[in-house]
Amino acid sequence: MFIVLGLTFLGMALGYALRGHAVAGLLSHGVMPAILLLLFLLGVELGGNRDLAGALPRLGGAALLLAGAGIAGSLICAVCAGRFLRITPPPANFHQPPDHTA
């Protein structure tokens, strides 16, 4: 666990140091393919686990229930936040006159 946290903070420090450099822009293009590759490899590893594959029908229902509850909770919170915050965008034809006082 300390290795994961250490690598996370190391990456954050490196990202902070590379802000505004061209290297940071190049690295950002590789993030999504890296995440997709990790998810694929995780699926390969889980698919090869016989114990997990045997328990998948039982675990699948619980996972589906948890995912549905998470989505429902997020939607409820979004609706509540929308009611309390009431941020209205300016109209599409809104034009502010230029400020000539300066």
PDB file of N, CA and C in Angstrom:
ATOM      1  N   MET A   1       0.818  -1.194   0.000  1.00  0.00           N
ATOM      2  CA  MET A   1       0.000   0.000   0.000  1.00  0.00           C
ATOM      3  C   MET A   1       0.860   1.255   0.000  1.00  0.00           C
ATOM      4  N   PHE A   2       1.971   1.208   0.733  1.00  0.00           N
ATOM      5  CA  PHE A   2       2.862   2.366   0.776  1.00  0.00           C
ATOM      6  C   PHE A   2       3.514   2.606  -0.582  1.00  0.00           C
ATOM      7  N   ILE A   3       3.725   1.527  -1.326  1.00  0.00           N
ATOM      8  CA  ILE A   3       4.311   1.686  -2.658  1.00  0.00           C
ATOM      9  C   ILE A   3       3.338   2.432  -3.570  1.00  0.00           C
ATOM     10  N   VAL A   4       2.061   2.070  -3.514  1.00  0.00           N
ATOM     11  CA  VAL A   4       1.049   2.731  -4.346  1.00  0.00           C
ATOM     12  C   VAL A   4       0.948   4.208  -3.987  1.00  0.00           C
ATOM     13  N   LEU A   5       0.869   4.497  -2.696  1.00  0.00           N
ATOM     14  CA  LEU A   5       0.784   5.902  -2.269  1.00  0.00           C
ATOM     15  C   LEU A   5       2.052   6.671  -2.635  1.00  0.00           C
ATOM     16  N   GLY A   6       3.199   6.042  -2.449  1.00  0.00           N
ATOM     17  CA  GLY A   6       4.460   6.694  -2.792  1.00  0.00           C
ATOM     18  C   GLY A   6       4.543   7.016  -4.270  1.00  0.00           C
ATOM     19  N   LEU A   7       4.147   6.058  -5.123  1.00  0.00           N
ATOM     20  CA  LEU A   7       4.170   6.311  -6.559  1.00  0.00           C
ATOM     21  C   LEU A   7       3.158   7.380  -6.956  1.00  0.00           C
ATOM     22  N   THR A   8       2.023   7.415  -6.279  1.00  0.00           N
ATOM     23  CA  THR A   8       1.028   8.448  -6.566  1.00  0.00           C
ATOM     24  C   THR A   8       1.576   9.832  -6.246  1.00  0.00           C
ATOM     25  N   PHE A   9       2.169   9.982  -5.075  1.00  0.00           N
ATOM     26  CA  PHE A   9       2.721  11.291  -4.698  1.00  0.00           C
ATOM     27  C   PHE A   9       3.932  11.658  -5.551  1.00  0.00           C
ATOM     28  N   LEU A  10       4.714  10.676  -5.939  1.00  0.00           N
ATOM     29  CA  LEU A  10       5.843  10.943  -6.834  1.00  0.00           C
ATOM     30  C   LEU A  10       5.343  11.444  -8.181  1.00  0.00           C
ATOM     31  N   GLY A  11       4.288  10.808  -8.698  1.00  0.00           N
ATOM     32  CA  GLY A  11       3.704  11.263  -9.956  1.00  0.00           C
ATOM     33  C   GLY A  11       3.116  12.655  -9.850  1.00  0.00           C
ATOM     34  N   MET A  12       2.492  12.953  -8.711  1.00  0.00           N
ATOM     35  CA  MET A  12       1.945  14.298  -8.513  1.00  0.00           C
ATOM     36  C   MET A  12       3.055  15.342  -8.490  1.00  0.00           C
ATOM     37  N   ALA A  13       4.153  15.024  -7.819  1.00  0.00           N
ATOM     38  CA  ALA A  13       5.281  15.959  -7.760  1.00  0.00           C
ATOM     39  C   ALA A  13       5.894  16.159  -9.137  1.00  0.00           C
ATOM     40  N   LEU A  14       6.023  15.076  -9.885  1.00  0.00           N
ATOM     41  CA  LEU A  14       6.572  15.182 -11.231  1.00  0.00           C
ATOM     42  C   LEU A  14       5.635  15.983 -12.132  1.00  0.00           C
ATOM     43  N   GLY A  15       4.329  15.747 -12.018  1.00  0.00           N
ATOM     44  CA  GLY A  15       3.363  16.523 -12.798  1.00  0.00           C
ATOM     45  C   GLY A  15       3.412  18.000 -12.457  1.00  0.00           C
ATOM     46  N   TYR A  16       3.583  18.306 -11.163  1.00  0.00           N
ATOM     47  CA  TYR A  16       3.695  19.702 -10.739  1.00  0.00           C
ATOM     48  C   TYR A  16       4.951  20.340 -11.330  1.00  0.00           C
ATOM     49  N   ALA A  17       6.047  19.582 -11.338  1.00  0.00           N
ATOM     50  CA  ALA A  17       7.308  20.118 -11.863  1.00  0.00           C
ATOM     51  C   ALA A  17       7.254  20.309 -13.374  1.00  0.00           C
ATOM     52  N   LEU A  18       6.458  19.500 -14.071  1.00  0.00           N
ATOM     53  CA  LEU A  18       6.411  19.562 -15.530  1.00  0.00           C
ATOM     54  C   LEU A  18       5.291  20.443 -16.070  1.00  0.00           C
ATOM     55  N   ARG A  19       4.589  21.154 -15.192  1.00  0.00           N
ATOM     56  CA  ARG A  19       3.510  22.022 -15.670  1.00  0.00           C
ATOM     57  C   ARG A  19       4.048  23.030 -16.671  1.00  0.00           C
ATOM     58  N   GLY A  20       3.341  23.159 -17.786  1.00  0.00           N
ATOM     59  CA  GLY A  20       3.724  24.139 -18.795  1.00  0.00           C
ATOM     60  C   GLY A  20       4.776  23.654 -19.772  1.00  0.00           C
ATOM     61  N   HIS A  21       5.367  22.499 -19.561  1.00  0.00           N
ATOM     62  CA  HIS A  21       6.360  21.959 -20.482  1.00  0.00           C
ATOM     63  C   HIS A  21       5.677  21.110 -21.551  1.00  0.00           C
ATOM     64  N   ALA A  22       6.335  20.965 -22.684  1.00  0.00           N
ATOM     65  CA  ALA A  22       5.778  20.171 -23.782  1.00  0.00           C
ATOM     66  C   ALA A  22       5.699  18.692 -23.415  1.00  0.00           C
ATOM     67  N   VAL A  23       6.583  18.253 -22.528  1.00  0.00           N
ATOM     68  CA  VAL A  23       6.592  16.842 -22.131  1.00  0.00           C
ATOM     69  C   VAL A  23       5.281  16.471 -21.443  1.00  0.00           C
ATOM     70  N   ALA A  24       4.730  17.376 -20.653  1.00  0.00           N
ATOM     71  CA  ALA A  24       3.469  17.106 -19.957  1.00  0.00           C
ATOM     72  C   ALA A  24       2.345  16.890 -20.960  1.00  0.00           C
ATOM     73  N   GLY A  25       2.340  17.649 -22.039  1.00  0.00           N
ATOM     74  CA  GLY A  25       1.322  17.465 -23.070  1.00  0.00           C
ATOM     75  C   GLY A  25       1.458  16.126 -23.770  1.00  0.00           C
ATOM     76  N   LEU A  26       2.687  15.709 -24.004  1.00  0.00           N
ATOM     77  CA  LEU A  26       2.900  14.402 -24.630  1.00  0.00           C
ATOM     78  C   LEU A  26       2.480  13.272 -23.700  1.00  0.00           C
ATOM     79  N   LEU A  27       2.773  13.417 -22.425  1.00  0.00           N
ATOM     80  CA  LEU A  27       2.398  12.378 -21.467  1.00  0.00           C
ATOM     81  C   LEU A  27       0.888  12.259 -21.326  1.00  0.00           C
ATOM     82  N   SER A  28       0.184  13.371 -21.433  1.00  0.00           N
ATOM     83  CA  SER A  28      -1.266  13.330 -21.260  1.00  0.00           C
ATOM     84  C   SER A  28      -1.945  12.532 -22.370  1.00  0.00           C
ATOM     85  N   HIS A  29      -1.317  12.448 -23.536  1.00  0.00           N
ATOM     86  CA  HIS A  29      -1.895  11.664 -24.625  1.00  0.00           C
ATOM     87  C   HIS A  29      -1.768  10.166 -24.384  1.00  0.00           C
ATOM     88  N   GLY A  30      -0.868   9.755 -23.517  1.00  0.00           N
ATOM     89  CA  GLY A  30      -0.675   8.336 -23.246  1.00  0.00           C
ATOM     90  C   GLY A  30      -1.462   7.818 -22.062  1.00  0.00           C
ATOM     91  N   VAL A  31      -2.168   8.683 -21.353  1.00  0.00           N
ATOM     92  CA  VAL A  31      -2.861   8.266 -20.137  1.00  0.00           C
ATOM     93  C   VAL A  31      -4.023   7.326 -20.460  1.00  0.00           C
ATOM     94  N   MET A  32      -4.885   7.685 -21.387  1.00  0.00           N
ATOM     95  CA  MET A  32      -6.049   6.851 -21.696  1.00  0.00           C
ATOM     96  C   MET A  32      -5.638   5.490 -22.263  1.00  0.00           C
ATOM     97  N   PRO A  33      -4.711   5.413 -23.214  1.00  0.00           N
ATOM     98  CA  PRO A  33      -4.295   4.079 -23.659  1.00  0.00           C
ATOM     99  C   PRO A  33      -3.686   3.238 -22.536  1.00  0.00           C
ATOM    100  N   ALA A  34      -2.959   3.874 -21.628  1.00  0.00           N
ATOM    101  CA  ALA A  34      -2.383   3.128 -20.508  1.00  0.00           C
ATOM    102  C   ALA A  34      -3.468   2.588 -19.584  1.00  0.00           C
ATOM    103  N   ILE A  35      -4.494   3.384 -19.325  1.00  0.00           N
ATOM    104  CA  ILE A  35      -5.596   2.930 -18.475  1.00  0.00           C
ATOM    105  C   ILE A  35      -6.346   1.784 -19.147  1.00  0.00           C
ATOM    106  N   LEU A  36      -6.588   1.900 -20.440  1.00  0.00           N
ATOM    107  CA  LEU A  36      -7.285   0.833 -21.162  1.00  0.00           C
ATOM    108  C   LEU A  36      -6.473  -0.455 -21.159  1.00  0.00           C
ATOM    109  N   LEU A  37      -5.163  -0.340 -21.326  1.00  0.00           N
ATOM    110  CA  LEU A  37      -4.302  -1.516 -21.278  1.00  0.00           C
ATOM    111  C   LEU A  37      -4.331  -2.165 -19.901  1.00  0.00           C
ATOM    112  N   LEU A  38      -4.283  -1.360 -18.847  1.00  0.00           N
ATOM    113  CA  LEU A  38      -4.355  -1.905 -17.491  1.00  0.00           C
ATOM    114  C   LEU A  38      -5.683  -2.595 -17.229  1.00  0.00           C
ATOM    115  N   LEU A  39      -6.791  -2.018 -17.707  1.00  0.00           N
ATOM    116  CA  LEU A  39      -8.096  -2.656 -17.542  1.00  0.00           C
ATOM    117  C   LEU A  39      -8.162  -3.982 -18.303  1.00  0.00           C
ATOM    118  N   PHE A  40      -7.594  -4.023 -19.498  1.00  0.00           N
ATOM    119  CA  PHE A  40      -7.568  -5.261 -20.267  1.00  0.00           C
ATOM    120  C   PHE A  40      -6.759  -6.327 -19.534  1.00  0.00           C
ATOM    121  N   LEU A  41      -5.593  -5.960 -19.040  1.00  0.00           N
ATOM    122  CA  LEU A  41      -4.752  -6.916 -18.322  1.00  0.00           C
ATOM    123  C   LEU A  41      -5.410  -7.378 -17.026  1.00  0.00           C
ATOM    124  N   LEU A  42      -6.139  -6.495 -16.375  1.00  0.00           N
ATOM    125  CA  LEU A  42      -6.883  -6.886 -15.183  1.00  0.00           C
ATOM    126  C   LEU A  42      -7.955  -7.910 -15.543  1.00  0.00           C
ATOM    127  N   GLY A  43      -8.644  -7.706 -16.652  1.00  0.00           N
ATOM    128  CA  GLY A  43      -9.637  -8.666 -17.107  1.00  0.00           C
ATOM    129  C   GLY A  43      -9.014 -10.015 -17.438  1.00  0.00           C
ATOM    130  N   VAL A  44      -7.851 -10.014 -18.068  1.00  0.00           N
ATOM    131  CA  VAL A  44      -7.151 -11.270 -18.373  1.00  0.00           C
ATOM    132  C   VAL A  44      -6.796 -11.998 -17.085  1.00  0.00           C
ATOM    133  N   GLU A  45      -6.294 -11.260 -16.115  1.00  0.00           N
ATOM    134  CA  GLU A  45      -5.910 -11.868 -14.838  1.00  0.00           C
ATOM    135  C   GLU A  45      -7.133 -12.417 -14.104  1.00  0.00           C
ATOM    136  N   LEU A  46      -8.209 -11.668 -14.073  1.00  0.00           N
ATOM    137  CA  LEU A  46      -9.417 -12.127 -13.395  1.00  0.00           C
ATOM    138  C   LEU A  46     -10.064 -13.301 -14.123  1.00  0.00           C
ATOM    139  N   GLY A  47     -10.011 -13.283 -15.439  1.00  0.00           N
ATOM    140  CA  GLY A  47     -10.568 -14.388 -16.214  1.00  0.00           C
ATOM    141  C   GLY A  47      -9.804 -15.689 -16.004  1.00  0.00           C
ATOM    142  N   GLY A  48      -8.530 -15.592 -15.716  1.00  0.00           N
ATOM    143  CA  GLY A  48      -7.720 -16.778 -15.472  1.00  0.00           C
ATOM    144  C   GLY A  48      -7.847 -17.321 -14.060  1.00  0.00           C
ATOM    145  N   ASN A  49      -8.505 -16.617 -13.171  1.00  0.00           N
ATOM    146  CA  ASN A  49      -8.677 -17.058 -11.783  1.00  0.00           C
ATOM    147  C   ASN A  49      -9.895 -17.982 -11.715  1.00  0.00           C
ATOM    148  N   ARG A  50      -9.675 -19.275 -11.489  1.00  0.00           N
ATOM    149  CA  ARG A  50     -10.767 -20.255 -11.488  1.00  0.00           C
ATOM    150  C   ARG A  50     -11.754 -20.012 -10.352  1.00  0.00           C
ATOM    151  N   ASP A  51     -11.259 -19.637  -9.178  1.00  0.00           N
ATOM    152  CA  ASP A  51     -12.159 -19.401  -8.046  1.00  0.00           C
ATOM    153  C   ASP A  51     -13.104 -18.247  -8.328  1.00  0.00           C
ATOM    154  N   LEU A  52     -12.557 -17.191  -8.875  1.00  0.00           N
ATOM    155  CA  LEU A  52     -13.385 -16.023  -9.182  1.00  0.00           C
ATOM    156  C   LEU A  52     -14.361 -16.324 -10.310  1.00  0.00           C
ATOM    157  N   ALA A  53     -13.914 -17.037 -11.330  1.00  0.00           N
ATOM    158  CA  ALA A  53     -14.797 -17.372 -12.443  1.00  0.00           C
ATOM    159  C   ALA A  53     -15.952 -18.252 -11.969  1.00  0.00           C
ATOM    160  N   GLY A  54     -15.710 -19.137 -11.001  1.00  0.00           N
ATOM    161  CA  GLY A  54     -16.766 -19.979 -10.470  1.00  0.00           C
ATOM    162  C   GLY A  54     -17.766 -19.210  -9.632  1.00  0.00           C
ATOM    163  N   ALA A  55     -17.313 -18.165  -8.962  1.00  0.00           N
ATOM    164  CA  ALA A  55     -18.187 -17.370  -8.094  1.00  0.00           C
ATOM    165  C   ALA A  55     -18.801 -16.178  -8.816  1.00  0.00           C
ATOM    166  N   LEU A  56     -18.514 -16.038 -10.105  1.00  0.00           N
ATOM    167  CA  LEU A  56     -18.979 -14.865 -10.846  1.00  0.00           C
ATOM    168  C   LEU A  56     -20.499 -14.711 -10.874  1.00  0.00           C
ATOM    169  N   PRO A  57     -21.285 -15.779 -11.025  1.00  0.00           N
ATOM    170  CA  PRO A  57     -22.742 -15.564 -11.002  1.00  0.00           C
ATOM    171  C   PRO A  57     -23.233 -14.951  -9.688  1.00  0.00           C
ATOM    172  N   ARG A  58     -22.656 -15.376  -8.586  1.00  0.00           N
ATOM    173  CA  ARG A  58     -23.068 -14.823  -7.292  1.00  0.00           C
ATOM    174  C   ARG A  58     -22.527 -13.410  -7.111  1.00  0.00           C
ATOM    175  N   LEU A  59     -21.287 -13.194  -7.490  1.00  0.00           N
ATOM    176  CA  LEU A  59     -20.672 -11.870  -7.332  1.00  0.00           C
ATOM    177  C   LEU A  59     -21.207 -10.861  -8.341  1.00  0.00           C
ATOM    178  N   GLY A  60     -21.612 -11.341  -9.502  1.00  0.00           N
ATOM    179  CA  GLY A  60     -22.110 -10.437 -10.541  1.00  0.00           C
ATOM    180  C   GLY A  60     -23.365  -9.703 -10.122  1.00  0.00           C
ATOM    181  N   GLY A  61     -24.280 -10.409  -9.431  1.00  0.00           N
ATOM    182  CA  GLY A  61     -25.511  -9.751  -8.977  1.00  0.00           C
ATOM    183  C   GLY A  61     -25.233  -8.676  -7.950  1.00  0.00           C
ATOM    184  N   ALA A  62     -24.321  -8.963  -7.023  1.00  0.00           N
ATOM    185  CA  ALA A  62     -23.969  -7.964  -6.008  1.00  0.00           C
ATOM    186  C   ALA A  62     -23.265  -6.770  -6.645  1.00  0.00           C
ATOM    187  N   ALA A  63     -22.397  -7.037  -7.613  1.00  0.00           N
ATOM    188  CA  ALA A  63     -21.700  -5.940  -8.289  1.00  0.00           C
ATOM    189  C   ALA A  63     -22.677  -5.074  -9.076  1.00  0.00           C
ATOM    190  N   LEU A  64     -23.649  -5.714  -9.716  1.00  0.00           N
ATOM    191  CA  LEU A  64     -24.648  -4.955 -10.459  1.00  0.00           C
ATOM    192  C   LEU A  64     -25.499  -4.100  -9.527  1.00  0.00           C
ATOM    193  N   LEU A  65     -25.849  -4.648  -8.377  1.00  0.00           N
ATOM    194  CA  LEU A  65     -26.618  -3.892  -7.392  1.00  0.00           C
ATOM    195  C   LEU A  65     -25.814  -2.701  -6.864  1.00  0.00           C
ATOM    196  N   LEU A  66     -24.549  -2.905  -6.560  1.00  0.00           N
ATOM    197  CA  LEU A  66     -23.708  -1.805  -6.077  1.00  0.00           C
ATOM    198  C   LEU A  66     -23.521  -0.727  -7.141  1.00  0.00           C
ATOM    199  N   ALA A  67     -23.317  -1.140  -8.381  1.00  0.00           N
ATOM    200  CA  ALA A  67     -23.154  -0.156  -9.461  1.00  0.00           C
ATOM    201  C   ALA A  67     -24.436   0.652  -9.646  1.00  0.00           C
ATOM    202  N   GLY A  68     -25.582  -0.029  -9.630  1.00  0.00           N
ATOM    203  CA  GLY A  68     -26.861   0.673  -9.772  1.00  0.00           C
ATOM    204  C   GLY A  68     -27.110   1.638  -8.632  1.00  0.00           C
ATOM    205  N   ALA A  69     -26.777   1.213  -7.407  1.00  0.00           N
ATOM    206  CA  ALA A  69     -26.953   2.100  -6.254  1.00  0.00           C
ATOM    207  C   ALA A  69     -26.029   3.313  -6.352  1.00  0.00           C
ATOM    208  N   GLY A  70     -24.828   3.108  -6.835  1.00  0.00           N
ATOM    209  CA  GLY A  70     -23.893   4.227  -7.000  1.00  0.00           C
ATOM    210  C   GLY A  70     -24.373   5.224  -8.035  1.00  0.00           C
ATOM    211  N   ILE A  71     -24.896   4.715  -9.143  1.00  0.00           N
ATOM    212  CA  ILE A  71     -25.431   5.605 -10.189  1.00  0.00           C
ATOM    213  C   ILE A  71     -26.651   6.359  -9.678  1.00  0.00           C
ATOM    214  N   ALA A  72     -27.542   5.644  -8.987  1.00  0.00           N
ATOM    215  CA  ALA A  72     -28.746   6.296  -8.453  1.00  0.00           C
ATOM    216  C   ALA A  72     -28.367   7.368  -7.430  1.00  0.00           C
ATOM    217  N   GLY A  73     -27.430   7.077  -6.562  1.00  0.00           N
ATOM    218  CA  GLY A  73     -26.991   8.066  -5.575  1.00  0.00           C
ATOM    219  C   GLY A  73     -26.377   9.288  -6.229  1.00  0.00           C
ATOM    220  N   SER A  74     -25.596   9.084  -7.278  1.00  0.00           N
ATOM    221  CA  SER A  74     -24.995  10.216  -7.989  1.00  0.00           C
ATOM    222  C   SER A  74     -26.061  11.080  -8.649  1.00  0.00           C
ATOM    223  N   LEU A  75     -27.052  10.439  -9.255  1.00  0.00           N
ATOM    224  CA  LEU A  75     -28.125  11.207  -9.891  1.00  0.00           C
ATOM    225  C   LEU A  75     -28.938  11.989  -8.869  1.00  0.00           C
ATOM    226  N   ILE A  76     -29.231  11.378  -7.734  1.00  0.00           N
ATOM    227  CA  ILE A  76     -29.988  12.074  -6.684  1.00  0.00           C
ATOM    228  C   ILE A  76     -29.206  13.275  -6.175  1.00  0.00           C
ATOM    229  N   CYS A  77     -27.918  13.093  -5.948  1.00  0.00           N
ATOM    230  CA  CYS A  77     -27.086  14.223  -5.486  1.00  0.00           C
ATOM    231  C   CYS A  77     -27.008  15.322  -6.544  1.00  0.00           C
ATOM    232  N   ALA A  78     -26.929  14.951  -7.823  1.00  0.00           N
ATOM    233  CA  ALA A  78     -26.866  15.954  -8.883  1.00  0.00           C
ATOM    234  C   ALA A  78     -28.160  16.757  -8.942  1.00  0.00           C
ATOM    235  N   VAL A  79     -29.307  16.085  -8.792  1.00  0.00           N
ATOM    236  CA  VAL A  79     -30.591  16.785  -8.797  1.00  0.00           C
ATOM    237  C   VAL A  79     -30.686  17.727  -7.600  1.00  0.00           C
ATOM    238  N   CYS A  80     -30.290  17.252  -6.419  1.00  0.00           N
ATOM    239  CA  CYS A  80     -30.337  18.100  -5.212  1.00  0.00           C
ATOM    240  C   CYS A  80     -29.408  19.301  -5.356  1.00  0.00           C
ATOM    241  N   ALA A  81     -28.206  19.070  -5.873  1.00  0.00           N
ATOM    242  CA  ALA A  81     -27.266  20.176  -6.058  1.00  0.00           C
ATOM    243  C   ALA A  81     -27.813  21.175  -7.070  1.00  0.00           C
ATOM    244  N   GLY A  82     -28.444  20.678  -8.123  1.00  0.00           N
ATOM    245  CA  GLY A  82     -29.026  21.577  -9.117  1.00  0.00           C
ATOM    246  C   GLY A  82     -30.135  22.434  -8.544  1.00  0.00           C
ATOM    247  N   ARG A  83     -30.900  21.885  -7.628  1.00  0.00           N
ATOM    248  CA  ARG A  83     -31.981  22.665  -7.018  1.00  0.00           C
ATOM    249  C   ARG A  83     -31.446  23.722  -6.061  1.00  0.00           C
ATOM    250  N   PHE A  84     -30.400  23.399  -5.338  1.00  0.00           N
ATOM    251  CA  PHE A  84     -29.874  24.341  -4.355  1.00  0.00           C
ATOM    252  C   PHE A  84     -28.975  25.401  -4.971  1.00  0.00           C
ATOM    253  N   LEU A  85     -28.241  25.075  -6.017  1.00  0.00           N
ATOM    254  CA  LEU A  85     -27.273  26.021  -6.579  1.00  0.00           C
ATOM    255  C   LEU A  85     -27.894  26.968  -7.595  1.00  0.00           C
ATOM    256  N   ARG A  86     -28.790  26.506  -8.413  1.00  0.00           N
ATOM    257  CA  ARG A  86     -29.502  27.326  -9.403  1.00  0.00           C
ATOM    258  C   ARG A  86     -28.575  28.279 -10.154  1.00  0.00           C
ATOM    259  N   ILE A  87     -27.612  27.742 -10.836  1.00  0.00           N
ATOM    260  CA  ILE A  87     -26.723  28.554 -11.657  1.00  0.00           C
ATOM    261  C   ILE A  87     -27.308  28.598 -13.060  1.00  0.00           C
ATOM    262  N   THR A  88     -27.677  29.786 -13.504  1.00  0.00           N
ATOM    263  CA  THR A  88     -28.272  29.920 -14.837  1.00  0.00           C
ATOM    264  C   THR A  88     -27.248  30.535 -15.777  1.00  0.00           C
ATOM    265  N   PRO A  89     -27.071  29.946 -16.941  1.00  0.00           N
ATOM    266  CA  PRO A  89     -26.123  30.515 -17.906  1.00  0.00           C
ATOM    267  C   PRO A  89     -26.698  31.777 -18.527  1.00  0.00           C
ATOM    268  N   PRO A  90     -25.835  32.658 -18.990  1.00  0.00           N
ATOM    269  CA  PRO A  90     -26.348  33.868 -19.659  1.00  0.00           C
ATOM    270  C   PRO A  90     -27.028  33.475 -20.962  1.00  0.00           C
ATOM    271  N   PRO A  91     -27.973  34.290 -21.443  1.00  0.00           N
ATOM    272  CA  PRO A  91     -28.647  33.978 -22.709  1.00  0.00           C
ATOM    273  C   PRO A  91     -27.645  33.925 -23.858  1.00  0.00           C
ATOM    274  N   ALA A  92     -27.998  33.197 -24.901  1.00  0.00           N
ATOM    275  CA  ALA A  92     -27.095  33.022 -26.038  1.00  0.00           C
ATOM    276  C   ALA A  92     -26.822  34.344 -26.752  1.00  0.00           C
ATOM    277  N   ASN A  93     -27.783  35.258 -26.749  1.00  0.00           N
ATOM    278  CA  ASN A  93     -27.603  36.530 -27.446  1.00  0.00           C
ATOM    279  C   ASN A  93     -27.124  37.643 -26.501  1.00  0.00           C
ATOM    280  N   PHE A  94     -26.615  37.276 -25.340  1.00  0.00           N
ATOM    281  CA  PHE A  94     -26.147  38.248 -24.356  1.00  0.00           C
ATOM    282  C   PHE A  94     -24.905  38.952 -24.885  1.00  0.00           C
ATOM    283  N   HIS A  95     -24.940  40.279 -24.904  1.00  0.00           N
ATOM    284  CA  HIS A  95     -23.798  41.060 -25.349  1.00  0.00           C
ATOM    285  C   HIS A  95     -23.573  42.167 -24.343  1.00  0.00           C
ATOM    286  N   GLN A  96     -22.408  42.166 -23.760  1.00  0.00           N
ATOM    287  CA  GLN A  96     -22.075  43.193 -22.792  1.00  0.00           C
ATOM    288  C   GLN A  96     -21.392  44.334 -23.519  1.00  0.00           C
ATOM    289  N   PRO A  97     -21.835  45.577 -23.294  1.00  0.00           N
ATOM    290  CA  PRO A  97     -21.206  46.712 -23.995  1.00  0.00           C
ATOM    291  C   PRO A  97     -19.761  46.873 -23.508  1.00  0.00           C
ATOM    292  N   PRO A  98     -18.898  47.330 -24.383  1.00  0.00           N
ATOM    293  CA  PRO A  98     -17.489  47.530 -23.985  1.00  0.00           C
ATOM    294  C   PRO A  98     -17.348  48.614 -22.932  1.00  0.00           C
ATOM    295  N   ASP A  99     -16.370  48.446 -22.077  1.00  0.00           N
ATOM    296  CA  ASP A  99     -16.113  49.392 -20.985  1.00  0.00           C
ATOM    297  C   ASP A  99     -15.113  50.438 -21.485  1.00  0.00           C
ATOM    298  N   HIS A 100     -15.565  51.696 -21.671  1.00  0.00           N
ATOM    299  CA  HIS A 100     -14.707  52.775 -22.176  1.00  0.00           C
ATOM    300  C   HIS A 100     -14.228  53.685 -21.058  1.00  0.00           C
ATOM    301  N   THR A 101     -14.375  53.296 -19.800  1.00  0.00           N
ATOM    302  CA  THR A 101     -14.003  54.181 -18.697  1.00  0.00           C
ATOM    303  C   THR A 101     -12.508  54.166 -18.429  1.00  0.00           C
ATOM    304  N   ALA A 102     -11.806  53.144 -18.890  1.00  0.00           N
ATOM    305  CA  ALA A 102     -10.369  53.045 -18.562  1.00  0.00           C
ATOM    306  C   ALA A 102      -9.515  53.816 -19.495  1.00  0.00           C
TER     307      ALA A 102
END
